[in-house]
Amino acid sequence: MPEPARVQIVGAPVACAGGAKDTWREVSAWVARQITTRFGAGVRVDYYDLFDADCPALPAGATLPLVLVNGATLTSGGKISVPAIRRRLEELGTPVRRPAAQ
């Protein structure tokens, strides 16, 4: 079986009056559920905090949240877009998971 496509999302906690919020981590978990529902084992979604030791290197000029697909920048800054990630995975030929027979 080929290696799964890799989606990497890089974010950071956001400081606010009530303390730090980890909104991008929460959104990334939701995105991972959506993407793996469609592509199953054909995709791997990982979230990294900007300060994690294993965080991928950020390209010059990148802003958070950063979304990489197979190491290439998909989006930098703005929103994390499930449709954009899905389209890129489809362009790369990532197989869509087939629903179980009923």
N, C-alpha and C. Protein backbone atom coordinates (compact mmCIF):
# COMPACT_ATOMS: atom_id res chain seq x y z
N MET A 1 0.85 -1.18 0.00
CA MET A 1 0.00 0.00 0.00
C MET A 1 0.89 1.24 0.00
N PRO A 2 0.57 2.23 -0.84
CA PRO A 2 1.40 3.45 -0.89
C PRO A 2 1.30 4.25 0.41
N GLU A 3 2.30 5.08 0.61
CA GLU A 3 2.30 5.96 1.78
C GLU A 3 1.09 6.88 1.72
N PRO A 4 0.47 7.17 2.86
CA PRO A 4 -0.67 8.10 2.84
C PRO A 4 -0.20 9.52 2.52
N ALA A 5 -1.09 10.28 1.90
CA ALA A 5 -0.83 11.71 1.70
C ALA A 5 -0.74 12.33 3.09
N ARG A 6 0.05 13.36 3.22
CA ARG A 6 0.26 13.95 4.54
C ARG A 6 -0.20 15.40 4.56
N VAL A 7 -1.12 15.69 5.47
CA VAL A 7 -1.58 17.05 5.69
C VAL A 7 -1.01 17.49 7.03
N GLN A 8 -0.26 18.59 7.01
CA GLN A 8 0.31 19.13 8.24
C GLN A 8 -0.26 20.52 8.46
N ILE A 9 -0.77 20.74 9.66
CA ILE A 9 -1.33 22.04 10.01
C ILE A 9 -0.51 22.60 11.17
N VAL A 10 -0.03 23.82 10.99
CA VAL A 10 0.78 24.46 12.02
C VAL A 10 0.02 25.66 12.55
N GLY A 11 -0.13 25.71 13.86
CA GLY A 11 -0.82 26.82 14.51
C GLY A 11 -0.12 27.16 15.81
N ALA A 12 -0.78 27.92 16.63
CA ALA A 12 -0.24 28.30 17.95
C ALA A 12 -1.41 28.72 18.83
N PRO A 13 -1.24 28.57 20.14
CA PRO A 13 -2.28 29.07 21.04
C PRO A 13 -2.42 30.59 20.88
N VAL A 14 -3.62 31.06 21.11
CA VAL A 14 -3.90 32.49 21.00
C VAL A 14 -4.17 33.04 22.39
N ALA A 15 -3.45 34.08 22.76
CA ALA A 15 -3.65 34.69 24.08
C ALA A 15 -4.86 35.61 24.04
N CYS A 16 -5.67 35.52 25.08
CA CYS A 16 -6.82 36.41 25.19
C CYS A 16 -7.02 36.74 26.67
N ALA A 17 -7.99 37.59 26.97
CA ALA A 17 -8.22 38.05 28.34
C ALA A 17 -8.46 36.89 29.30
N GLY A 18 -9.09 35.82 28.86
CA GLY A 18 -9.39 34.68 29.72
C GLY A 18 -8.28 33.65 29.76
N GLY A 19 -7.15 33.90 29.16
CA GLY A 19 -6.06 32.94 29.09
C GLY A 19 -5.78 32.56 27.65
N ALA A 20 -5.06 31.47 27.46
CA ALA A 20 -4.72 31.02 26.11
C ALA A 20 -5.81 30.10 25.58
N LYS A 21 -6.13 30.26 24.31
CA LYS A 21 -7.09 29.37 23.63
C LYS A 21 -6.33 28.61 22.55
N ASP A 22 -6.65 27.35 22.41
CA ASP A 22 -6.00 26.51 21.42
C ASP A 22 -6.96 26.22 20.27
N THR A 23 -7.52 27.27 19.71
CA THR A 23 -8.56 27.17 18.70
C THR A 23 -8.09 26.44 17.45
N TRP A 24 -6.87 26.72 16.99
CA TRP A 24 -6.41 26.06 15.76
C TRP A 24 -6.26 24.56 15.97
N ARG A 25 -5.86 24.13 17.15
CA ARG A 25 -5.76 22.70 17.43
C ARG A 25 -7.16 22.07 17.35
N GLU A 26 -8.15 22.75 17.91
CA GLU A 26 -9.53 22.25 17.88
C GLU A 26 -10.06 22.19 16.45
N VAL A 27 -9.83 23.23 15.69
CA VAL A 27 -10.27 23.25 14.29
C VAL A 27 -9.55 22.15 13.50
N SER A 28 -8.27 21.97 13.77
CA SER A 28 -7.49 20.94 13.07
C SER A 28 -8.01 19.54 13.36
N ALA A 29 -8.45 19.30 14.59
CA ALA A 29 -9.03 17.99 14.93
C ALA A 29 -10.32 17.76 14.13
N TRP A 30 -11.13 18.80 13.99
CA TRP A 30 -12.36 18.70 13.20
C TRP A 30 -12.02 18.44 11.73
N VAL A 31 -11.04 19.18 11.21
CA VAL A 31 -10.60 19.00 9.82
C VAL A 31 -10.11 17.56 9.61
N ALA A 32 -9.33 17.06 10.55
CA ALA A 32 -8.81 15.69 10.43
C ALA A 32 -9.95 14.68 10.35
N ARG A 33 -10.99 14.87 11.15
CA ARG A 33 -12.14 13.95 11.09
C ARG A 33 -12.82 14.02 9.73
N GLN A 34 -12.99 15.22 9.20
CA GLN A 34 -13.64 15.39 7.89
C GLN A 34 -12.81 14.74 6.78
N ILE A 35 -11.52 14.99 6.79
CA ILE A 35 -10.64 14.50 5.73
C ILE A 35 -10.49 12.98 5.80
N THR A 36 -10.32 12.43 7.01
CA THR A 36 -10.14 10.98 7.11
C THR A 36 -11.46 10.24 6.85
N THR A 37 -12.59 10.88 7.08
CA THR A 37 -13.86 10.26 6.72
C THR A 37 -13.91 10.05 5.21
N ARG A 38 -13.40 10.99 4.46
CA ARG A 38 -13.43 10.90 2.99
C ARG A 38 -12.32 10.02 2.42
N PHE A 39 -11.11 10.14 2.98
CA PHE A 39 -9.96 9.47 2.39
C PHE A 39 -9.44 8.28 3.19
N GLY A 40 -9.94 8.06 4.39
CA GLY A 40 -9.53 6.92 5.21
C GLY A 40 -8.03 6.87 5.43
N ALA A 41 -7.47 5.68 5.29
CA ALA A 41 -6.05 5.46 5.53
C ALA A 41 -5.16 6.08 4.44
N GLY A 42 -5.77 6.65 3.42
CA GLY A 42 -5.01 7.27 2.34
C GLY A 42 -4.46 8.64 2.70
N VAL A 43 -4.79 9.11 3.90
CA VAL A 43 -4.31 10.42 4.33
C VAL A 43 -3.97 10.40 5.81
N ARG A 44 -3.00 11.20 6.16
CA ARG A 44 -2.62 11.38 7.56
C ARG A 44 -2.63 12.88 7.84
N VAL A 45 -3.33 13.28 8.89
CA VAL A 45 -3.43 14.70 9.25
C VAL A 45 -2.74 14.89 10.60
N ASP A 46 -1.77 15.80 10.65
CA ASP A 46 -1.05 16.09 11.89
C ASP A 46 -1.12 17.58 12.19
N TYR A 47 -1.34 17.88 13.47
CA TYR A 47 -1.31 19.28 13.93
C TYR A 47 -0.02 19.51 14.69
N TYR A 48 0.59 20.66 14.48
CA TYR A 48 1.79 21.05 15.20
C TYR A 48 1.60 22.44 15.79
N ASP A 49 1.97 22.57 17.03
CA ASP A 49 2.08 23.89 17.63
C ASP A 49 3.39 24.48 17.10
N LEU A 50 3.39 25.75 16.83
CA LEU A 50 4.57 26.43 16.28
C LEU A 50 5.83 26.12 17.07
N PHE A 51 5.69 25.89 18.37
CA PHE A 51 6.86 25.70 19.22
C PHE A 51 7.17 24.23 19.49
N ASP A 52 6.46 23.29 18.85
CA ASP A 52 6.77 21.86 18.99
C ASP A 52 8.14 21.58 18.38
N ALA A 53 8.88 20.69 19.02
CA ALA A 53 10.22 20.35 18.52
C ALA A 53 10.17 19.75 17.12
N ASP A 54 9.11 19.00 16.80
CA ASP A 54 9.02 18.35 15.49
C ASP A 54 8.18 19.13 14.48
N CYS A 55 7.90 20.39 14.77
CA CYS A 55 7.14 21.24 13.85
C CYS A 55 7.90 21.38 12.53
N PRO A 56 7.21 21.22 11.40
CA PRO A 56 7.89 21.40 10.11
C PRO A 56 8.41 22.83 9.97
N ALA A 57 9.45 22.98 9.19
CA ALA A 57 10.01 24.31 8.94
C ALA A 57 8.98 25.16 8.21
N LEU A 58 8.86 26.41 8.62
CA LEU A 58 7.94 27.33 7.96
C LEU A 58 8.63 27.99 6.79
N PRO A 59 7.95 28.06 5.64
CA PRO A 59 8.52 28.76 4.50
C PRO A 59 8.66 30.26 4.82
N ALA A 60 9.55 30.91 4.14
CA ALA A 60 9.74 32.35 4.33
C ALA A 60 8.41 33.07 4.10
N GLY A 61 8.07 33.98 4.99
CA GLY A 61 6.86 34.78 4.84
C GLY A 61 5.58 34.08 5.24
N ALA A 62 5.66 32.85 5.74
CA ALA A 62 4.46 32.11 6.12
C ALA A 62 3.79 32.75 7.34
N THR A 63 2.47 32.67 7.37
CA THR A 63 1.71 33.11 8.53
C THR A 63 0.83 31.95 8.99
N LEU A 64 0.41 32.02 10.23
CA LEU A 64 -0.41 30.95 10.80
C LEU A 64 -1.88 31.23 10.59
N PRO A 65 -2.68 30.20 10.46
CA PRO A 65 -2.30 28.80 10.40
C PRO A 65 -1.70 28.47 9.03
N LEU A 66 -0.75 27.56 9.04
CA LEU A 66 -0.10 27.10 7.82
C LEU A 66 -0.59 25.69 7.53
N VAL A 67 -0.98 25.42 6.29
CA VAL A 67 -1.42 24.09 5.89
C VAL A 67 -0.49 23.60 4.78
N LEU A 68 0.15 22.46 5.03
CA LEU A 68 1.04 21.83 4.06
C LEU A 68 0.42 20.52 3.63
N VAL A 69 0.50 20.22 2.35
CA VAL A 69 0.06 18.92 1.84
C VAL A 69 1.27 18.30 1.15
N ASN A 70 1.70 17.16 1.66
CA ASN A 70 2.91 16.49 1.18
C ASN A 70 4.10 17.45 1.13
N GLY A 71 4.19 18.31 2.15
CA GLY A 71 5.33 19.21 2.28
C GLY A 71 5.22 20.52 1.53
N ALA A 72 4.22 20.67 0.67
CA ALA A 72 4.05 21.90 -0.11
C ALA A 72 2.98 22.77 0.53
N THR A 73 3.22 24.07 0.56
CA THR A 73 2.27 25.00 1.16
C THR A 73 0.97 25.01 0.37
N LEU A 74 -0.14 24.78 1.07
CA LEU A 74 -1.46 24.92 0.47
C LEU A 74 -2.01 26.29 0.83
N THR A 75 -2.03 26.61 2.12
CA THR A 75 -2.48 27.94 2.55
C THR A 75 -1.60 28.43 3.68
N SER A 76 -1.51 29.74 3.77
CA SER A 76 -0.73 30.40 4.80
C SER A 76 -1.55 31.58 5.29
N GLY A 77 -1.97 31.51 6.55
CA GLY A 77 -2.83 32.56 7.09
C GLY A 77 -4.28 32.31 6.69
N GLY A 78 -5.16 33.08 7.25
CA GLY A 78 -6.57 32.96 6.91
C GLY A 78 -7.22 31.78 7.59
N LYS A 79 -8.08 31.10 6.85
CA LYS A 79 -8.84 29.98 7.40
C LYS A 79 -8.23 28.65 6.98
N ILE A 80 -8.54 27.62 7.74
CA ILE A 80 -8.19 26.26 7.36
C ILE A 80 -9.39 25.73 6.57
N SER A 81 -9.21 25.47 5.29
CA SER A 81 -10.30 25.12 4.40
C SER A 81 -10.34 23.64 4.06
N VAL A 82 -11.37 22.94 4.53
CA VAL A 82 -11.55 21.53 4.19
C VAL A 82 -11.70 21.36 2.68
N PRO A 83 -12.53 22.17 1.98
CA PRO A 83 -12.64 22.00 0.52
C PRO A 83 -11.31 22.17 -0.21
N ALA A 84 -10.48 23.11 0.22
CA ALA A 84 -9.18 23.31 -0.43
C ALA A 84 -8.27 22.10 -0.20
N ILE A 85 -8.27 21.57 1.00
CA ILE A 85 -7.46 20.39 1.31
C ILE A 85 -7.96 19.20 0.49
N ARG A 86 -9.28 19.01 0.46
CA ARG A 86 -9.88 17.91 -0.30
C ARG A 86 -9.50 17.99 -1.78
N ARG A 87 -9.62 19.19 -2.36
CA ARG A 87 -9.28 19.37 -3.77
C ARG A 87 -7.82 19.01 -4.04
N ARG A 88 -6.92 19.49 -3.17
CA ARG A 88 -5.49 19.19 -3.37
C ARG A 88 -5.23 17.69 -3.28
N LEU A 89 -5.85 17.02 -2.30
CA LEU A 89 -5.68 15.58 -2.17
C LEU A 89 -6.21 14.85 -3.40
N GLU A 90 -7.34 15.31 -3.93
CA GLU A 90 -7.89 14.71 -5.14
C GLU A 90 -6.96 14.94 -6.33
N GLU A 91 -6.40 16.15 -6.44
CA GLU A 91 -5.45 16.46 -7.51
C GLU A 91 -4.24 15.54 -7.44
N LEU A 92 -3.83 15.17 -6.23
CA LEU A 92 -2.68 14.29 -6.03
C LEU A 92 -3.03 12.82 -6.26
N GLY A 93 -4.32 12.54 -6.50
CA GLY A 93 -4.74 11.17 -6.75
C GLY A 93 -4.96 10.34 -5.50
N THR A 94 -5.15 10.99 -4.36
CA THR A 94 -5.41 10.26 -3.12
C THR A 94 -6.73 9.52 -3.27
N PRO A 95 -6.72 8.20 -3.06
CA PRO A 95 -7.96 7.44 -3.25
C PRO A 95 -9.02 7.79 -2.21
N VAL A 96 -10.26 7.88 -2.68
CA VAL A 96 -11.39 8.15 -1.79
C VAL A 96 -11.79 6.83 -1.15
N ARG A 97 -12.06 6.89 0.13
CA ARG A 97 -12.47 5.70 0.89
C ARG A 97 -13.83 5.24 0.39
N ARG A 98 -13.96 3.98 0.18
CA ARG A 98 -15.23 3.41 -0.27
C ARG A 98 -16.06 3.08 0.95
N PRO A 99 -17.34 3.47 0.95
CA PRO A 99 -18.21 3.12 2.08
C PRO A 99 -18.38 1.61 2.19
N ALA A 100 -18.57 1.13 3.41
CA ALA A 100 -18.77 -0.30 3.64
C ALA A 100 -20.08 -0.74 3.00
N ALA A 101 -20.10 -1.94 2.46
CA ALA A 101 -21.34 -2.48 1.87
C ALA A 101 -22.37 -2.70 2.96
N GLN A 102 -23.60 -2.41 2.63
CA GLN A 102 -24.67 -2.55 3.64
C GLN A 102 -25.58 -3.69 3.30
